[in-house]
Amino acid sequence: MSTASTVSTPNKAGLDALLTPEESVLVLIDHQPFQFANLNSHEPTMVVNNVVGLAKAAKAFGVPTILTTVLEERGGLLIQGIQDVFPEQKPIDRTFINTWQDQRVVEAVKATGRKKLILAGLWTEICLAMPAIQAAGEGFDVYAVTDASGGVSAEAHDMAVRRMVQAGVVPITWMAVLGEWQRDWAREETVPAAAEVQAQHGGASGVAFAWEMQLLAAGRSKSAA
């Protein structure tokens, strides 16, 4: 006789499916030199840009962020760009390939009391997919930030994303995370920090924002004259 599952089904549609800072917790997994050395699904500098932007956004919105590495003595320290965002935090260094099998990480996530779990990691097919699939099965609403992650090949990354989606994980990009956290421009207390993150890491959007600020400044100068 089969036993009914007690795992709750996350909301995949409707307003509750969108992220809020108050419900989110972020885990950044294994953005280390060894993993970057065989990152072939994305341009490595783009992943660095995106994951640092994601980390800065989390800090700006007060989203609890957990940093973790695997065998850092051999794989290298967490990249400096992320560590600089959280200089006081020592990453949890694991032996488990699957982050979600390390109870220190799981307990740190559970201590936040939050159920919307946002993950980014190297490589997508291993260090991101494993914890994402397991945590989704344990009742978390899991979001995989695909452009702050990467695999050993484009196929490996793509197959991992497909597999995670089949398990109920939601794929998302880092600027979409930022947009959902901000949600309303009337949330004025986070607008300056969100704009700064976008200007620093938003690519063409950041360039356009800087241009807009230039035009506004020029307009004010003319008005004053």
C-alpha atoms as a PDB file:
ATOM      1  CA  MET A   1       0.000   0.000   0.000  1.00  0.00           C
ATOM      2  CA  SER A   2       1.442   3.377  -1.010  1.00  0.00           C
ATOM      3  CA  THR A   3       1.849   6.184   1.474  1.00  0.00           C
ATOM      4  CA  ALA A   4       0.688   9.655   0.457  1.00  0.00           C
ATOM      5  CA  SER A   5       3.446  12.252   0.300  1.00  0.00           C
ATOM      6  CA  THR A   6       3.391  14.983   2.924  1.00  0.00           C
ATOM      7  CA  VAL A   7       5.545  17.364   0.887  1.00  0.00           C
ATOM      8  CA  SER A   8       3.656  20.545   0.061  1.00  0.00           C
ATOM      9  CA  THR A   9       3.416  21.667  -3.548  1.00  0.00           C
ATOM     10  CA  PRO A  10       4.973  25.108  -4.101  1.00  0.00           C
ATOM     11  CA  ASN A  11       2.911  27.807  -5.796  1.00  0.00           C
ATOM     12  CA  LYS A  12       4.072  28.066  -9.418  1.00  0.00           C
ATOM     13  CA  ALA A  13       1.600  30.748 -10.509  1.00  0.00           C
ATOM     14  CA  GLY A  14      -0.115  33.771  -9.028  1.00  0.00           C
ATOM     15  CA  LEU A  15       1.297  36.599  -6.952  1.00  0.00           C
ATOM     16  CA  ASP A  16       2.591  34.264  -4.254  1.00  0.00           C
ATOM     17  CA  ALA A  17       4.892  32.599  -6.792  1.00  0.00           C
ATOM     18  CA  LEU A  18       6.918  35.817  -7.089  1.00  0.00           C
ATOM     19  CA  LEU A  19       9.858  36.495  -4.810  1.00  0.00           C
ATOM     20  CA  THR A  20       9.882  38.941  -1.923  1.00  0.00           C
ATOM     21  CA  PRO A  21      12.877  39.898   0.229  1.00  0.00           C
ATOM     22  CA  GLU A  22      10.967  38.911   3.353  1.00  0.00           C
ATOM     23  CA  GLU A  23      10.482  35.294   2.208  1.00  0.00           C
ATOM     24  CA  SER A  24      13.794  34.693   0.420  1.00  0.00           C
ATOM     25  CA  VAL A  25      17.050  33.060   1.471  1.00  0.00           C
ATOM     26  CA  LEU A  26      20.022  32.845  -0.897  1.00  0.00           C
ATOM     27  CA  VAL A  27      22.718  30.156  -1.032  1.00  0.00           C
ATOM     28  CA  LEU A  28      25.775  30.697  -3.243  1.00  0.00           C
ATOM     29  CA  ILE A  29      27.587  27.444  -3.989  1.00  0.00           C
ATOM     30  CA  ASP A  30      31.192  26.816  -5.045  1.00  0.00           C
ATOM     31  CA  HIS A  31      32.086  29.901  -7.053  1.00  0.00           C
ATOM     32  CA  GLN A  32      35.749  28.862  -6.800  1.00  0.00           C
ATOM     33  CA  PRO A  33      38.746  28.851  -9.168  1.00  0.00           C
ATOM     34  CA  PHE A  34      38.655  25.105  -9.907  1.00  0.00           C
ATOM     35  CA  GLN A  35      35.025  25.267 -10.999  1.00  0.00           C
ATOM     36  CA  PHE A  36      35.594  28.378 -13.101  1.00  0.00           C
ATOM     37  CA  ALA A  37      38.517  26.647 -14.840  1.00  0.00           C
ATOM     38  CA  ASN A  38      36.152  24.195 -16.550  1.00  0.00           C
ATOM     39  CA  LEU A  39      33.151  26.504 -16.972  1.00  0.00           C
ATOM     40  CA  ASN A  40      32.191  26.277 -20.641  1.00  0.00           C
ATOM     41  CA  SER A  41      28.442  26.929 -20.762  1.00  0.00           C
ATOM     42  CA  HIS A  42      28.882  30.684 -20.222  1.00  0.00           C
ATOM     43  CA  GLU A  43      31.600  33.275 -20.528  1.00  0.00           C
ATOM     44  CA  PRO A  44      33.205  33.057 -17.043  1.00  0.00           C
ATOM     45  CA  THR A  45      33.471  36.816 -16.626  1.00  0.00           C
ATOM     46  CA  MET A  46      29.719  37.078 -17.179  1.00  0.00           C
ATOM     47  CA  VAL A  47      29.001  34.547 -14.417  1.00  0.00           C
ATOM     48  CA  VAL A  48      31.330  36.468 -12.087  1.00  0.00           C
ATOM     49  CA  ASN A  49      29.503  39.698 -12.921  1.00  0.00           C
ATOM     50  CA  ASN A  50      26.090  38.144 -12.408  1.00  0.00           C
ATOM     51  CA  VAL A  51      26.765  36.317  -9.158  1.00  0.00           C
ATOM     52  CA  VAL A  52      28.421  39.360  -7.598  1.00  0.00           C
ATOM     53  CA  GLY A  53      25.439  41.444  -8.709  1.00  0.00           C
ATOM     54  CA  LEU A  54      23.122  38.867  -7.141  1.00  0.00           C
ATOM     55  CA  ALA A  55      25.105  38.939  -3.889  1.00  0.00           C
ATOM     56  CA  LYS A  56      24.999  42.750  -3.766  1.00  0.00           C
ATOM     57  CA  ALA A  57      21.258  42.707  -4.439  1.00  0.00           C
ATOM     58  CA  ALA A  58      20.706  40.253  -1.584  1.00  0.00           C
ATOM     59  CA  LYS A  59      22.646  42.501   0.768  1.00  0.00           C
ATOM     60  CA  ALA A  60      20.748  45.585  -0.399  1.00  0.00           C
ATOM     61  CA  PHE A  61      17.397  43.935   0.303  1.00  0.00           C
ATOM     62  CA  GLY A  62      18.444  42.314   3.573  1.00  0.00           C
ATOM     63  CA  VAL A  63      18.072  38.777   2.210  1.00  0.00           C
ATOM     64  CA  PRO A  64      19.967  36.221   4.344  1.00  0.00           C
ATOM     65  CA  THR A  65      22.817  34.827   2.278  1.00  0.00           C
ATOM     66  CA  ILE A  66      24.794  31.662   2.956  1.00  0.00           C
ATOM     67  CA  LEU A  67      28.164  31.136   1.288  1.00  0.00           C
ATOM     68  CA  THR A  68      29.608  27.670   0.792  1.00  0.00           C
ATOM     69  CA  THR A  69      32.631  26.077  -0.861  1.00  0.00           C
ATOM     70  CA  VAL A  70      33.810  22.526  -1.448  1.00  0.00           C
ATOM     71  CA  LEU A  71      37.349  21.439  -0.500  1.00  0.00           C
ATOM     72  CA  GLU A  72      38.644  24.992  -0.655  1.00  0.00           C
ATOM     73  CA  GLU A  73      42.245  23.905   0.045  1.00  0.00           C
ATOM     74  CA  ARG A  74      42.253  22.188  -3.353  1.00  0.00           C
ATOM     75  CA  GLY A  75      39.479  23.997  -5.219  1.00  0.00           C
ATOM     76  CA  GLY A  76      40.432  27.484  -4.119  1.00  0.00           C
ATOM     77  CA  LEU A  77      38.828  30.166  -2.015  1.00  0.00           C
ATOM     78  CA  LEU A  78      35.490  31.748  -2.870  1.00  0.00           C
ATOM     79  CA  ILE A  79      36.009  34.458  -5.499  1.00  0.00           C
ATOM     80  CA  GLN A  80      36.873  37.800  -3.952  1.00  0.00           C
ATOM     81  CA  GLY A  81      33.955  39.665  -5.500  1.00  0.00           C
ATOM     82  CA  ILE A  82      31.447  37.655  -3.465  1.00  0.00           C
ATOM     83  CA  GLN A  83      33.544  37.589  -0.306  1.00  0.00           C
ATOM     84  CA  ASP A  84      33.870  41.393  -0.457  1.00  0.00           C
ATOM     85  CA  VAL A  85      30.074  41.720  -0.260  1.00  0.00           C
ATOM     86  CA  PHE A  86      30.028  39.676   2.951  1.00  0.00           C
ATOM     87  CA  PRO A  87      33.515  40.252   4.417  1.00  0.00           C
ATOM     88  CA  GLU A  88      32.482  39.089   7.882  1.00  0.00           C
ATOM     89  CA  GLN A  89      31.148  35.715   6.715  1.00  0.00           C
ATOM     90  CA  LYS A  90      33.354  32.644   6.445  1.00  0.00           C
ATOM     91  CA  PRO A  91      31.992  30.275   3.793  1.00  0.00           C
ATOM     92  CA  ILE A  92      30.936  26.833   4.968  1.00  0.00           C
ATOM     93  CA  ASP A  93      33.557  24.503   3.489  1.00  0.00           C
ATOM     94  CA  ARG A  94      32.153  21.073   2.672  1.00  0.00           C
ATOM     95  CA  THR A  95      33.264  17.608   1.656  1.00  0.00           C
ATOM     96  CA  PHE A  96      29.780  16.720   0.389  1.00  0.00           C
ATOM     97  CA  ILE A  97      29.331  17.433  -3.313  1.00  0.00           C
ATOM     98  CA  ASN A  98      25.627  17.892  -2.603  1.00  0.00           C
ATOM     99  CA  THR A  99      25.345  21.017  -0.466  1.00  0.00           C
ATOM    100  CA  TRP A 100      21.985  19.889   0.928  1.00  0.00           C
ATOM    101  CA  GLN A 101      23.631  16.863   2.538  1.00  0.00           C
ATOM    102  CA  ASP A 102      25.751  19.148   4.723  1.00  0.00           C
ATOM    103  CA  GLN A 103      23.650  19.751   7.814  1.00  0.00           C
ATOM    104  CA  ARG A 104      25.430  23.029   8.582  1.00  0.00           C
ATOM    105  CA  VAL A 105      24.071  24.536   5.372  1.00  0.00           C
ATOM    106  CA  VAL A 106      20.601  23.068   5.868  1.00  0.00           C
ATOM    107  CA  GLU A 107      20.442  24.292   9.455  1.00  0.00           C
ATOM    108  CA  ALA A 108      21.591  27.776   8.410  1.00  0.00           C
ATOM    109  CA  VAL A 109      18.793  27.911   5.830  1.00  0.00           C
ATOM    110  CA  LYS A 110      16.165  26.583   8.237  1.00  0.00           C
ATOM    111  CA  ALA A 111      17.264  29.046  10.917  1.00  0.00           C
ATOM    112  CA  THR A 112      16.047  31.885   8.688  1.00  0.00           C
ATOM    113  CA  GLY A 113      12.508  30.475   8.758  1.00  0.00           C
ATOM    114  CA  ARG A 114      12.173  31.181   5.031  1.00  0.00           C
ATOM    115  CA  LYS A 115      10.858  28.781   2.397  1.00  0.00           C
ATOM    116  CA  LYS A 116      11.766  30.512  -0.885  1.00  0.00           C
ATOM    117  CA  LEU A 117      15.239  29.112  -1.443  1.00  0.00           C
ATOM    118  CA  ILE A 118      17.311  30.793  -4.153  1.00  0.00           C
ATOM    119  CA  LEU A 119      20.384  28.908  -5.349  1.00  0.00           C
ATOM    120  CA  ALA A 120      23.274  29.670  -7.688  1.00  0.00           C
ATOM    121  CA  GLY A 121      26.340  27.503  -8.108  1.00  0.00           C
ATOM    122  CA  LEU A 122      29.083  25.886 -10.138  1.00  0.00           C
ATOM    123  CA  TRP A 123      28.562  23.520 -11.777  1.00  0.00           C
ATOM    124  CA  THR A 124      24.889  23.562 -12.715  1.00  0.00           C
ATOM    125  CA  GLU A 125      24.648  19.834 -13.405  1.00  0.00           C
ATOM    126  CA  ILE A 126      26.181  18.808 -10.079  1.00  0.00           C
ATOM    127  CA  CYS A 127      26.550  21.394  -7.338  1.00  0.00           C
ATOM    128  CA  LEU A 128      23.372  23.283  -8.247  1.00  0.00           C
ATOM    129  CA  ALA A 129      21.101  20.472  -9.407  1.00  0.00           C
ATOM    130  CA  MET A 130      21.720  18.138  -6.473  1.00  0.00           C
ATOM    131  CA  PRO A 131      20.696  20.496  -3.649  1.00  0.00           C
ATOM    132  CA  ALA A 132      17.946  22.091  -5.734  1.00  0.00           C
ATOM    133  CA  ILE A 133      16.258  18.764  -6.431  1.00  0.00           C
ATOM    134  CA  GLN A 134      16.627  17.533  -2.848  1.00  0.00           C
ATOM    135  CA  ALA A 135      15.398  20.776  -1.241  1.00  0.00           C
ATOM    136  CA  ALA A 136      12.434  20.914  -3.627  1.00  0.00           C
ATOM    137  CA  GLY A 137      11.517  17.405  -2.516  1.00  0.00           C
ATOM    138  CA  GLU A 138      11.617  18.549   1.100  1.00  0.00           C
ATOM    139  CA  GLY A 139       9.029  21.264   0.596  1.00  0.00           C
ATOM    140  CA  PHE A 140      11.090  24.346  -0.224  1.00  0.00           C
ATOM    141  CA  ASP A 141      10.144  26.661  -3.092  1.00  0.00           C
ATOM    142  CA  VAL A 142      13.449  26.454  -4.972  1.00  0.00           C
ATOM    143  CA  TYR A 143      14.631  28.997  -7.544  1.00  0.00           C
ATOM    144  CA  ALA A 144      17.791  28.315  -9.593  1.00  0.00           C
ATOM    145  CA  VAL A 145      19.569  31.430 -10.855  1.00  0.00           C
ATOM    146  CA  THR A 146      20.721  30.125 -14.203  1.00  0.00           C
ATOM    147  CA  ASP A 147      22.923  33.024 -15.328  1.00  0.00           C
ATOM    148  CA  ALA A 148      24.807  33.149 -12.008  1.00  0.00           C
ATOM    149  CA  SER A 149      25.563  29.452 -12.482  1.00  0.00           C
ATOM    150  CA  GLY A 150      27.224  27.424 -15.205  1.00  0.00           C
ATOM    151  CA  GLY A 151      28.242  23.954 -16.315  1.00  0.00           C
ATOM    152  CA  VAL A 152      31.130  22.184 -17.998  1.00  0.00           C
ATOM    153  CA  SER A 153      29.303  22.492 -21.331  1.00  0.00           C
ATOM    154  CA  ALA A 154      26.220  24.176 -22.735  1.00  0.00           C
ATOM    155  CA  GLU A 155      24.548  20.770 -22.915  1.00  0.00           C
ATOM    156  CA  ALA A 156      25.385  19.953 -19.284  1.00  0.00           C
ATOM    157  CA  HIS A 157      23.909  23.264 -18.119  1.00  0.00           C
ATOM    158  CA  ASP A 158      20.805  22.892 -20.286  1.00  0.00           C
ATOM    159  CA  MET A 159      20.121  19.289 -19.248  1.00  0.00           C
ATOM    160  CA  ALA A 160      20.543  20.242 -15.591  1.00  0.00           C
ATOM    161  CA  VAL A 161      18.030  23.080 -15.897  1.00  0.00           C
ATOM    162  CA  ARG A 162      15.563  20.748 -17.619  1.00  0.00           C
ATOM    163  CA  ARG A 163      16.024  18.142 -14.905  1.00  0.00           C
ATOM    164  CA  MET A 164      15.495  20.695 -12.146  1.00  0.00           C
ATOM    165  CA  VAL A 165      12.346  22.002 -13.803  1.00  0.00           C
ATOM    166  CA  GLN A 166      10.979  18.456 -13.900  1.00  0.00           C
ATOM    167  CA  ALA A 167      11.576  18.319 -10.136  1.00  0.00           C
ATOM    168  CA  GLY A 168       9.625  21.535  -9.577  1.00  0.00           C
ATOM    169  CA  VAL A 169      12.532  23.995  -9.407  1.00  0.00           C
ATOM    170  CA  VAL A 170      11.923  27.427 -10.951  1.00  0.00           C
ATOM    171  CA  PRO A 171      14.658  28.751 -13.292  1.00  0.00           C
ATOM    172  CA  ILE A 172      15.256  32.500 -13.019  1.00  0.00           C
ATOM    173  CA  THR A 173      17.931  35.055 -13.916  1.00  0.00           C
ATOM    174  CA  TRP A 174      19.648  37.355 -11.462  1.00  0.00           C
ATOM    175  CA  MET A 175      18.079  40.599 -12.708  1.00  0.00           C
ATOM    176  CA  ALA A 176      14.641  38.978 -12.515  1.00  0.00           C
ATOM    177  CA  VAL A 177      15.396  38.220  -8.851  1.00  0.00           C
ATOM    178  CA  LEU A 178      16.343  41.868  -8.316  1.00  0.00           C
ATOM    179  CA  GLY A 179      13.155  43.036 -10.050  1.00  0.00           C
ATOM    180  CA  GLU A 180      10.915  40.800  -7.970  1.00  0.00           C
ATOM    181  CA  TRP A 181      12.600  41.878  -4.736  1.00  0.00           C
ATOM    182  CA  GLN A 182      12.112  45.553  -5.630  1.00  0.00           C
ATOM    183  CA  ARG A 183       8.625  44.992  -7.105  1.00  0.00           C
ATOM    184  CA  ASP A 184       7.373  48.529  -6.424  1.00  0.00           C
ATOM    185  CA  TRP A 185       9.292  51.750  -7.029  1.00  0.00           C
ATOM    186  CA  ALA A 186       7.416  53.140  -4.034  1.00  0.00           C
ATOM    187  CA  ARG A 187       9.730  50.923  -1.956  1.00  0.00           C
ATOM    188  CA  GLU A 188      11.966  53.969  -1.852  1.00  0.00           C
ATOM    189  CA  GLU A 189      14.376  52.765   0.819  1.00  0.00           C
ATOM    190  CA  THR A 190      15.897  50.181  -1.552  1.00  0.00           C
ATOM    191  CA  VAL A 191      15.760  52.176  -4.805  1.00  0.00           C
ATOM    192  CA  PRO A 192      19.258  53.755  -4.487  1.00  0.00           C
ATOM    193  CA  ALA A 193      20.956  50.422  -3.737  1.00  0.00           C
ATOM    194  CA  ALA A 194      18.998  48.577  -6.431  1.00  0.00           C
ATOM    195  CA  ALA A 195      19.899  51.266  -8.961  1.00  0.00           C
ATOM    196  CA  GLU A 196      23.572  51.094  -7.960  1.00  0.00           C
ATOM    197  CA  VAL A 197      23.664  47.304  -8.363  1.00  0.00           C
ATOM    198  CA  GLN A 198      22.051  47.586 -11.767  1.00  0.00           C
ATOM    199  CA  ALA A 199      24.446  50.332 -12.813  1.00  0.00           C
ATOM    200  CA  GLN A 200      27.469  48.243 -11.768  1.00  0.00           C
ATOM    201  CA  HIS A 201      26.364  44.834 -13.037  1.00  0.00           C
ATOM    202  CA  GLY A 202      23.369  45.330 -15.347  1.00  0.00           C
ATOM    203  CA  GLY A 203      25.271  45.535 -18.625  1.00  0.00           C
ATOM    204  CA  ALA A 204      23.421  47.631 -21.212  1.00  0.00           C
ATOM    205  CA  SER A 205      20.701  48.389 -18.660  1.00  0.00           C
ATOM    206  CA  GLY A 206      23.363  49.868 -16.386  1.00  0.00           C
ATOM    207  CA  VAL A 207      24.784  51.954 -19.228  1.00  0.00           C
ATOM    208  CA  ALA A 208      21.306  53.220 -20.107  1.00  0.00           C
ATOM    209  CA  PHE A 209      20.642  54.096 -16.474  1.00  0.00           C
ATOM    210  CA  ALA A 210      23.895  56.089 -16.284  1.00  0.00           C
ATOM    211  CA  TRP A 211      22.894  57.928 -19.464  1.00  0.00           C
ATOM    212  CA  GLU A 212      19.486  58.715 -17.989  1.00  0.00           C
ATOM    213  CA  MET A 213      21.148  60.132 -14.864  1.00  0.00           C
ATOM    214  CA  GLN A 214      23.421  62.225 -17.105  1.00  0.00           C
ATOM    215  CA  LEU A 215      20.432  63.651 -18.995  1.00  0.00           C
ATOM    216  CA  LEU A 216      18.555  64.396 -15.777  1.00  0.00           C
ATOM    217  CA  ALA A 217      21.601  66.151 -14.316  1.00  0.00           C
ATOM    218  CA  ALA A 218      21.983  68.198 -17.496  1.00  0.00           C
ATOM    219  CA  GLY A 219      18.303  69.139 -17.369  1.00  0.00           C
ATOM    220  CA  ARG A 220      18.593  70.297 -13.769  1.00  0.00           C
ATOM    221  CA  SER A 221      21.669  72.352 -14.620  1.00  0.00           C
ATOM    222  CA  LYS A 222      19.828  74.149 -17.429  1.00  0.00           C
ATOM    223  CA  SER A 223      16.841  74.797 -15.191  1.00  0.00           C
ATOM    224  CA  ALA A 224      19.076  76.283 -12.520  1.00  0.00           C
ATOM    225  CA  ALA A 225      20.715  78.552 -15.089  1.00  0.00           C
END
